[in-house]
PDB file of N, CA and C in Angstrom:
ATOM      1  N   MET A   1     -51.105 -62.979 -62.864  1.00  0.00           N
ATOM      2  CA  MET A   1     -51.908 -63.258 -64.040  1.00  0.00           C
ATOM      3  C   MET A   1     -53.386 -63.376 -63.590  1.00  0.00           C
ATOM      4  N   THR A   2     -54.231 -62.637 -64.272  1.00  0.00           N
ATOM      5  CA  THR A   2     -55.652 -62.682 -63.932  1.00  0.00           C
ATOM      6  C   THR A   2     -56.353 -63.687 -64.819  1.00  0.00           C
ATOM      7  N   GLU A   3     -57.288 -64.352 -64.218  1.00  0.00           N
ATOM      8  CA  GLU A   3     -58.040 -65.361 -64.938  1.00  0.00           C
ATOM      9  C   GLU A   3     -59.229 -64.721 -65.634  1.00  0.00           C
ATOM     10  N   LYS A   4     -59.448 -65.050 -66.886  1.00  0.00           N
ATOM     11  CA  LYS A   4     -60.589 -64.514 -67.622  1.00  0.00           C
ATOM     12  C   LYS A   4     -61.820 -65.301 -67.260  1.00  0.00           C
ATOM     13  N   SER A   5     -62.931 -64.605 -67.085  1.00  0.00           N
ATOM     14  CA  SER A   5     -64.171 -65.294 -66.791  1.00  0.00           C
ATOM     15  C   SER A   5     -64.778 -65.865 -68.080  1.00  0.00           C
ATOM     16  N   ASN A   6     -65.449 -66.954 -67.939  1.00  0.00           N
ATOM     17  CA  ASN A   6     -66.093 -67.579 -69.084  1.00  0.00           C
ATOM     18  C   ASN A   6     -67.491 -66.993 -69.218  1.00  0.00           C
ATOM     19  N   PRO A   7     -67.766 -66.299 -70.336  1.00  0.00           N
ATOM     20  CA  PRO A   7     -69.101 -65.686 -70.493  1.00  0.00           C
ATOM     21  C   PRO A   7     -70.221 -66.694 -70.522  1.00  0.00           C
ATOM     22  N   LEU A   8     -69.967 -67.920 -70.905  1.00  0.00           N
ATOM     23  CA  LEU A   8     -71.035 -68.927 -70.924  1.00  0.00           C
ATOM     24  C   LEU A   8     -71.435 -69.348 -69.498  1.00  0.00           C
ATOM     25  N   GLU A   9     -70.509 -69.276 -68.573  1.00  0.00           N
ATOM     26  CA  GLU A   9     -70.808 -69.602 -67.188  1.00  0.00           C
ATOM     27  C   GLU A   9     -71.653 -68.525 -66.552  1.00  0.00           C
ATOM     28  N   GLU A  10     -71.474 -67.283 -66.981  1.00  0.00           N
ATOM     29  CA  GLU A  10     -72.212 -66.174 -66.381  1.00  0.00           C
ATOM     30  C   GLU A  10     -73.647 -66.120 -66.911  1.00  0.00           C
ATOM     31  N   ARG A  11     -73.874 -66.680 -68.058  1.00  0.00           N
ATOM     32  CA  ARG A  11     -75.200 -66.648 -68.640  1.00  0.00           C
ATOM     33  C   ARG A  11     -76.048 -67.744 -68.048  1.00  0.00           C
ATOM     34  N   LYS A  12     -77.142 -67.380 -67.430  1.00  0.00           N
ATOM     35  CA  LYS A  12     -77.981 -68.332 -66.711  1.00  0.00           C
ATOM     36  C   LYS A  12     -79.351 -68.434 -67.406  1.00  0.00           C
ATOM     37  N   GLU A  13     -79.373 -68.539 -68.707  1.00  0.00           N
ATOM     38  CA  GLU A  13     -80.595 -68.612 -69.492  1.00  0.00           C
ATOM     39  C   GLU A  13     -81.193 -70.024 -69.345  1.00  0.00           C
ATOM     40  N   THR A  14     -82.504 -70.069 -69.228  1.00  0.00           N
ATOM     41  CA  THR A  14     -83.246 -71.329 -69.185  1.00  0.00           C
ATOM     42  C   THR A  14     -83.956 -71.495 -70.519  1.00  0.00           C
ATOM     43  N   TYR A  15     -83.908 -72.694 -71.054  1.00  0.00           N
ATOM     44  CA  TYR A  15     -84.559 -73.020 -72.308  1.00  0.00           C
ATOM     45  C   TYR A  15     -85.654 -74.034 -72.090  1.00  0.00           C
ATOM     46  N   VAL A  16     -86.734 -73.910 -72.847  1.00  0.00           N
ATOM     47  CA  VAL A  16     -87.852 -74.850 -72.756  1.00  0.00           C
ATOM     48  C   VAL A  16     -88.099 -75.481 -74.120  1.00  0.00           C
ATOM     49  N   THR A  17     -88.726 -76.643 -74.105  1.00  0.00           N
ATOM     50  CA  THR A  17     -89.093 -77.304 -75.361  1.00  0.00           C
ATOM     51  C   THR A  17     -90.325 -76.636 -75.946  1.00  0.00           C
ATOM     52  N   MET A  18     -90.650 -77.000 -77.167  1.00  0.00           N
ATOM     53  CA  MET A  18     -91.834 -76.475 -77.815  1.00  0.00           C
ATOM     54  C   MET A  18     -93.097 -76.883 -77.042  1.00  0.00           C
ATOM     55  N   HIS A  19     -93.131 -78.124 -76.544  1.00  0.00           N
ATOM     56  CA  HIS A  19     -94.265 -78.593 -75.743  1.00  0.00           C
ATOM     57  C   HIS A  19     -94.405 -77.796 -74.457  1.00  0.00           C
ATOM     58  N   GLU A  20     -93.286 -77.539 -73.777  1.00  0.00           N
ATOM     59  CA  GLU A  20     -93.295 -76.771 -72.545  1.00  0.00           C
ATOM     60  C   GLU A  20     -93.753 -75.329 -72.821  1.00  0.00           C
ATOM     61  N   ALA A  21     -93.320 -74.768 -73.923  1.00  0.00           N
ATOM     62  CA  ALA A  21     -93.747 -73.413 -74.288  1.00  0.00           C
ATOM     63  C   ALA A  21     -95.232 -73.354 -74.524  1.00  0.00           C
ATOM     64  N   ALA A  22     -95.777 -74.358 -75.226  1.00  0.00           N
ATOM     65  CA  ALA A  22     -97.212 -74.418 -75.492  1.00  0.00           C
ATOM     66  C   ALA A  22     -97.993 -74.498 -74.162  1.00  0.00           C
ATOM     67  N   ASP A  23     -97.517 -75.333 -73.237  1.00  0.00           N
ATOM     68  CA  ASP A  23     -98.147 -75.447 -71.936  1.00  0.00           C
ATOM     69  C   ASP A  23     -98.068 -74.122 -71.182  1.00  0.00           C
ATOM     70  N   HIS A  24     -96.886 -73.497 -71.191  1.00  0.00           N
ATOM     71  CA  HIS A  24     -96.695 -72.234 -70.497  1.00  0.00           C
ATOM     72  C   HIS A  24     -97.591 -71.119 -71.056  1.00  0.00           C
ATOM     73  N   LEU A  25     -97.737 -71.107 -72.352  1.00  0.00           N
ATOM     74  CA  LEU A  25     -98.556 -70.053 -73.023  1.00  0.00           C
ATOM     75  C   LEU A  25    -100.027 -70.439 -73.102  1.00  0.00           C
ATOM     76  N   ARG A  26    -100.325 -71.684 -72.742  1.00  0.00           N
ATOM     77  CA  ARG A  26    -101.703 -72.221 -72.777  1.00  0.00           C
ATOM     78  C   ARG A  26    -102.316 -72.154 -74.165  1.00  0.00           C
ATOM     79  N   VAL A  27    -101.520 -72.579 -75.151  1.00  0.00           N
ATOM     80  CA  VAL A  27    -101.962 -72.675 -76.532  1.00  0.00           C
ATOM     81  C   VAL A  27    -101.578 -74.051 -77.052  1.00  0.00           C
ATOM     82  N   SER A  28    -102.024 -74.384 -78.248  1.00  0.00           N
ATOM     83  CA  SER A  28    -101.683 -75.678 -78.827  1.00  0.00           C
ATOM     84  C   SER A  28    -100.232 -75.646 -79.319  1.00  0.00           C
ATOM     85  N   LEU A  29     -99.667 -76.841 -79.487  1.00  0.00           N
ATOM     86  CA  LEU A  29     -98.328 -76.968 -79.996  1.00  0.00           C
ATOM     87  C   LEU A  29     -98.259 -76.396 -81.429  1.00  0.00           C
ATOM     88  N   ARG A  30     -99.289 -76.617 -82.204  1.00  0.00           N
ATOM     89  CA  ARG A  30     -99.324 -76.092 -83.567  1.00  0.00           C
ATOM     90  C   ARG A  30     -99.265 -74.572 -83.567  1.00  0.00           C
ATOM     91  N   THR A  31     -99.888 -73.907 -82.615  1.00  0.00           N
ATOM     92  CA  THR A  31     -99.848 -72.444 -82.527  1.00  0.00           C
ATOM     93  C   THR A  31     -98.418 -71.979 -82.264  1.00  0.00           C
ATOM     94  N   VAL A  32     -97.693 -72.670 -81.387  1.00  0.00           N
ATOM     95  CA  VAL A  32     -96.295 -72.293 -81.109  1.00  0.00           C
ATOM     96  C   VAL A  32     -95.468 -72.442 -82.374  1.00  0.00           C
ATOM     97  N   TYR A  33     -95.652 -73.562 -83.126  1.00  0.00           N
ATOM     98  CA  TYR A  33     -94.932 -73.749 -84.368  1.00  0.00           C
ATOM     99  C   TYR A  33     -95.272 -72.655 -85.368  1.00  0.00           C
ATOM    100  N   ARG A  34     -96.526 -72.249 -85.438  1.00  0.00           N
ATOM    101  CA  ARG A  34     -96.925 -71.193 -86.343  1.00  0.00           C
ATOM    102  C   ARG A  34     -96.248 -69.882 -85.992  1.00  0.00           C
ATOM    103  N   TRP A  35     -96.219 -69.536 -84.701  1.00  0.00           N
ATOM    104  CA  TRP A  35     -95.574 -68.302 -84.261  1.00  0.00           C
ATOM    105  C   TRP A  35     -94.065 -68.333 -84.618  1.00  0.00           C
ATOM    106  N   VAL A  36     -93.433 -69.484 -84.462  1.00  0.00           N
ATOM    107  CA  VAL A  36     -92.013 -69.613 -84.841  1.00  0.00           C
ATOM    108  C   VAL A  36     -91.868 -69.403 -86.337  1.00  0.00           C
ATOM    109  N   GLU A  37     -92.704 -70.050 -87.131  1.00  0.00           N
ATOM    110  CA  GLU A  37     -92.652 -69.902 -88.604  1.00  0.00           C
ATOM    111  C   GLU A  37     -92.860 -68.447 -89.014  1.00  0.00           C
ATOM    112  N   GLN A  38     -93.704 -67.741 -88.290  1.00  0.00           N
ATOM    113  CA  GLN A  38     -93.992 -66.333 -88.619  1.00  0.00           C
ATOM    114  C   GLN A  38     -92.884 -65.394 -88.109  1.00  0.00           C
ATOM    115  N   GLY A  39     -91.973 -65.926 -87.330  1.00  0.00           N
ATOM    116  CA  GLY A  39     -90.915 -65.088 -86.759  1.00  0.00           C
ATOM    117  C   GLY A  39     -91.308 -64.341 -85.518  1.00  0.00           C
ATOM    118  N   ARG A  40     -92.464 -64.659 -84.955  1.00  0.00           N
ATOM    119  CA  ARG A  40     -92.918 -63.993 -83.750  1.00  0.00           C
ATOM    120  C   ARG A  40     -92.241 -64.508 -82.497  1.00  0.00           C
ATOM    121  N   LEU A  41     -91.780 -65.757 -82.530  1.00  0.00           N
ATOM    122  CA  LEU A  41     -91.031 -66.377 -81.435  1.00  0.00           C
ATOM    123  C   LEU A  41     -89.666 -66.814 -81.983  1.00  0.00           C
ATOM    124  N   LYS A  42     -88.606 -66.455 -81.267  1.00  0.00           N
ATOM    125  CA  LYS A  42     -87.270 -66.851 -81.675  1.00  0.00           C
ATOM    126  C   LYS A  42     -86.900 -68.144 -80.967  1.00  0.00           C
ATOM    127  N   VAL A  43     -86.259 -69.062 -81.707  1.00  0.00           N
ATOM    128  CA  VAL A  43     -85.898 -70.362 -81.142  1.00  0.00           C
ATOM    129  C   VAL A  43     -84.418 -70.627 -81.294  1.00  0.00           C
ATOM    130  N   PHE A  44     -83.979 -71.652 -80.602  1.00  0.00           N
ATOM    131  CA  PHE A  44     -82.578 -72.134 -80.678  1.00  0.00           C
ATOM    132  C   PHE A  44     -82.615 -73.579 -81.123  1.00  0.00           C
ATOM    133  N   HIS A  45     -81.949 -73.891 -82.209  1.00  0.00           N
ATOM    134  CA  HIS A  45     -81.902 -75.266 -82.699  1.00  0.00           C
ATOM    135  C   HIS A  45     -80.645 -75.953 -82.113  1.00  0.00           C
ATOM    136  N   ALA A  46     -80.874 -76.943 -81.259  1.00  0.00           N
ATOM    137  CA  ALA A  46     -79.772 -77.613 -80.589  1.00  0.00           C
ATOM    138  C   ALA A  46     -79.504 -78.972 -81.206  1.00  0.00           C
ATOM    139  N   GLY A  47     -79.629 -79.037 -82.486  1.00  0.00           N
ATOM    140  CA  GLY A  47     -79.413 -80.306 -83.175  1.00  0.00           C
ATOM    141  C   GLY A  47     -80.704 -80.736 -83.900  1.00  0.00           C
ATOM    142  N   ARG A  48     -80.601 -81.864 -84.578  1.00  0.00           N
ATOM    143  CA  ARG A  48     -81.736 -82.345 -85.345  1.00  0.00           C
ATOM    144  C   ARG A  48     -82.907 -82.717 -84.420  1.00  0.00           C
ATOM    145  N   GLY A  49     -84.030 -82.062 -84.643  1.00  0.00           N
ATOM    146  CA  GLY A  49     -85.208 -82.358 -83.852  1.00  0.00           C
ATOM    147  C   GLY A  49     -85.207 -81.848 -82.437  1.00  0.00           C
ATOM    148  N   SER A  50     -84.284 -80.974 -82.124  1.00  0.00           N
ATOM    149  CA  SER A  50     -84.174 -80.445 -80.767  1.00  0.00           C
ATOM    150  C   SER A  50     -84.243 -78.926 -80.808  1.00  0.00           C
ATOM    151  N   THR A  51     -85.456 -78.407 -80.706  1.00  0.00           N
ATOM    152  CA  THR A  51     -85.645 -76.954 -80.740  1.00  0.00           C
ATOM    153  C   THR A  51     -85.984 -76.478 -79.350  1.00  0.00           C
ATOM    154  N   ARG A  52     -85.345 -75.413 -78.930  1.00  0.00           N
ATOM    155  CA  ARG A  52     -85.568 -74.823 -77.593  1.00  0.00           C
ATOM    156  C   ARG A  52     -85.903 -73.343 -77.733  1.00  0.00           C
ATOM    157  N   ILE A  53     -86.669 -72.865 -76.766  1.00  0.00           N
ATOM    158  CA  ILE A  53     -87.023 -71.442 -76.712  1.00  0.00           C
ATOM    159  C   ILE A  53     -86.518 -70.893 -75.387  1.00  0.00           C
ATOM    160  N   PRO A  54     -85.740 -69.804 -75.420  1.00  0.00           N
ATOM    161  CA  PRO A  54     -85.296 -69.182 -74.171  1.00  0.00           C
ATOM    162  C   PRO A  54     -86.478 -68.621 -73.392  1.00  0.00           C
ATOM    163  N   MET A  55     -86.480 -68.807 -72.081  1.00  0.00           N
ATOM    164  CA  MET A  55     -87.543 -68.258 -71.236  1.00  0.00           C
ATOM    165  C   MET A  55     -87.625 -66.755 -71.397  1.00  0.00           C
ATOM    166  N   SER A  56     -86.512 -66.080 -71.580  1.00  0.00           N
ATOM    167  CA  SER A  56     -86.539 -64.628 -71.764  1.00  0.00           C
ATOM    168  C   SER A  56     -87.326 -64.289 -73.039  1.00  0.00           C
ATOM    169  N   GLU A  57     -87.267 -65.136 -74.055  1.00  0.00           N
ATOM    170  CA  GLU A  57     -88.028 -64.907 -75.291  1.00  0.00           C
ATOM    171  C   GLU A  57     -89.514 -65.094 -75.035  1.00  0.00           C
ATOM    172  N   LEU A  58     -89.876 -66.091 -74.222  1.00  0.00           N
ATOM    173  CA  LEU A  58     -91.295 -66.282 -73.867  1.00  0.00           C
ATOM    174  C   LEU A  58     -91.823 -65.086 -73.082  1.00  0.00           C
ATOM    175  N   GLU A  59     -91.017 -64.607 -72.141  1.00  0.00           N
ATOM    176  CA  GLU A  59     -91.417 -63.433 -71.341  1.00  0.00           C
ATOM    177  C   GLU A  59     -91.598 -62.206 -72.240  1.00  0.00           C
ATOM    178  N   ARG A  60     -90.674 -62.015 -73.198  1.00  0.00           N
ATOM    179  CA  ARG A  60     -90.798 -60.908 -74.144  1.00  0.00           C
ATOM    180  C   ARG A  60     -92.080 -61.040 -74.954  1.00  0.00           C
ATOM    181  N   PHE A  61     -92.336 -62.226 -75.453  1.00  0.00           N
ATOM    182  CA  PHE A  61     -93.508 -62.486 -76.250  1.00  0.00           C
ATOM    183  C   PHE A  61     -94.792 -62.213 -75.486  1.00  0.00           C
ATOM    184  N   ILE A  62     -94.834 -62.668 -74.260  1.00  0.00           N
ATOM    185  CA  ILE A  62     -96.024 -62.439 -73.410  1.00  0.00           C
ATOM    186  C   ILE A  62     -96.235 -60.956 -73.165  1.00  0.00           C
ATOM    187  N   SER A  63     -95.168 -60.253 -72.802  1.00  0.00           N
ATOM    188  CA  SER A  63     -95.324 -58.822 -72.502  1.00  0.00           C
ATOM    189  C   SER A  63     -95.737 -58.012 -73.721  1.00  0.00           C
ATOM    190  N   GLU A  64     -95.236 -58.393 -74.894  1.00  0.00           N
ATOM    191  CA  GLU A  64     -95.584 -57.667 -76.108  1.00  0.00           C
ATOM    192  C   GLU A  64     -96.979 -57.996 -76.637  1.00  0.00           C
ATOM    193  N   ASN A  65     -97.510 -59.128 -76.278  1.00  0.00           N
ATOM    194  CA  ASN A  65     -98.758 -59.575 -76.844  1.00  0.00           C
ATOM    195  C   ASN A  65     -99.955 -59.610 -75.892  1.00  0.00           C
ATOM    196  N   THR A  66     -99.729 -59.284 -74.632  1.00  0.00           N
ATOM    197  CA  THR A  66    -100.850 -59.270 -73.687  1.00  0.00           C
ATOM    198  C   THR A  66    -101.284 -57.870 -73.298  1.00  0.00           C
ATOM    199  N   GLY A  67    -100.427 -56.898 -73.527  1.00  0.00           N
ATOM    200  CA  GLY A  67    -100.752 -55.549 -73.124  1.00  0.00           C
ATOM    201  C   GLY A  67    -100.533 -55.255 -71.664  1.00  0.00           C
ATOM    202  N   LEU A  68     -99.900 -56.188 -70.975  1.00  0.00           N
ATOM    203  CA  LEU A  68     -99.692 -55.991 -69.521  1.00  0.00           C
ATOM    204  C   LEU A  68     -98.620 -54.950 -69.235  1.00  0.00           C
ATOM    205  N   PHE A  69     -97.673 -54.816 -70.145  1.00  0.00           N
ATOM    206  CA  PHE A  69     -96.547 -53.915 -69.870  1.00  0.00           C
ATOM    207  C   PHE A  69     -96.400 -52.846 -70.941  1.00  0.00           C
ATOM    208  N   GLN A  70     -97.511 -52.390 -71.454  1.00  0.00           N
ATOM    209  CA  GLN A  70     -97.459 -51.350 -72.507  1.00  0.00           C
ATOM    210  C   GLN A  70     -97.061 -50.043 -71.882  1.00  0.00           C
ATOM    211  N   GLU A  71     -96.301 -49.254 -72.625  1.00  0.00           N
ATOM    212  CA  GLU A  71     -95.881 -47.953 -72.169  1.00  0.00           C
ATOM    213  C   GLU A  71     -97.065 -46.984 -72.160  1.00  0.00           C
ATOM    214  N   LYS A  72     -97.073 -46.139 -71.157  1.00  0.00           N
ATOM    215  CA  LYS A  72     -98.141 -45.153 -71.078  1.00  0.00           C
ATOM    216  C   LYS A  72     -97.837 -43.970 -71.977  1.00  0.00           C
ATOM    217  N   GLU A  73     -98.844 -43.468 -72.670  1.00  0.00           N
ATOM    218  CA  GLU A  73     -98.633 -42.313 -73.509  1.00  0.00           C
ATOM    219  C   GLU A  73     -98.784 -41.055 -72.635  1.00  0.00           C
ATOM    220  N   GLU A  74     -97.949 -40.082 -72.862  1.00  0.00           N
ATOM    221  CA  GLU A  74     -98.000 -38.860 -72.062  1.00  0.00           C
ATOM    222  C   GLU A  74     -98.692 -37.752 -72.803  1.00  0.00           C
TER     223      GLU A  74
END
């Protein structure tokens, strides 16, 4: 009998608080809330008053909004 792997154990996502995201992005906390309200940043609600943002989402947001990783036109 083979043991099934747990997909949650394989996922190594790191989540940050809204305050940590603001510090990481070097913007105000209100700006982070505004981007979430606008749908520009995706969040995870882990209960009442506990909102987290995946680091992969912050990395996506940075790459899409800074122009550092834009595709070259041929």
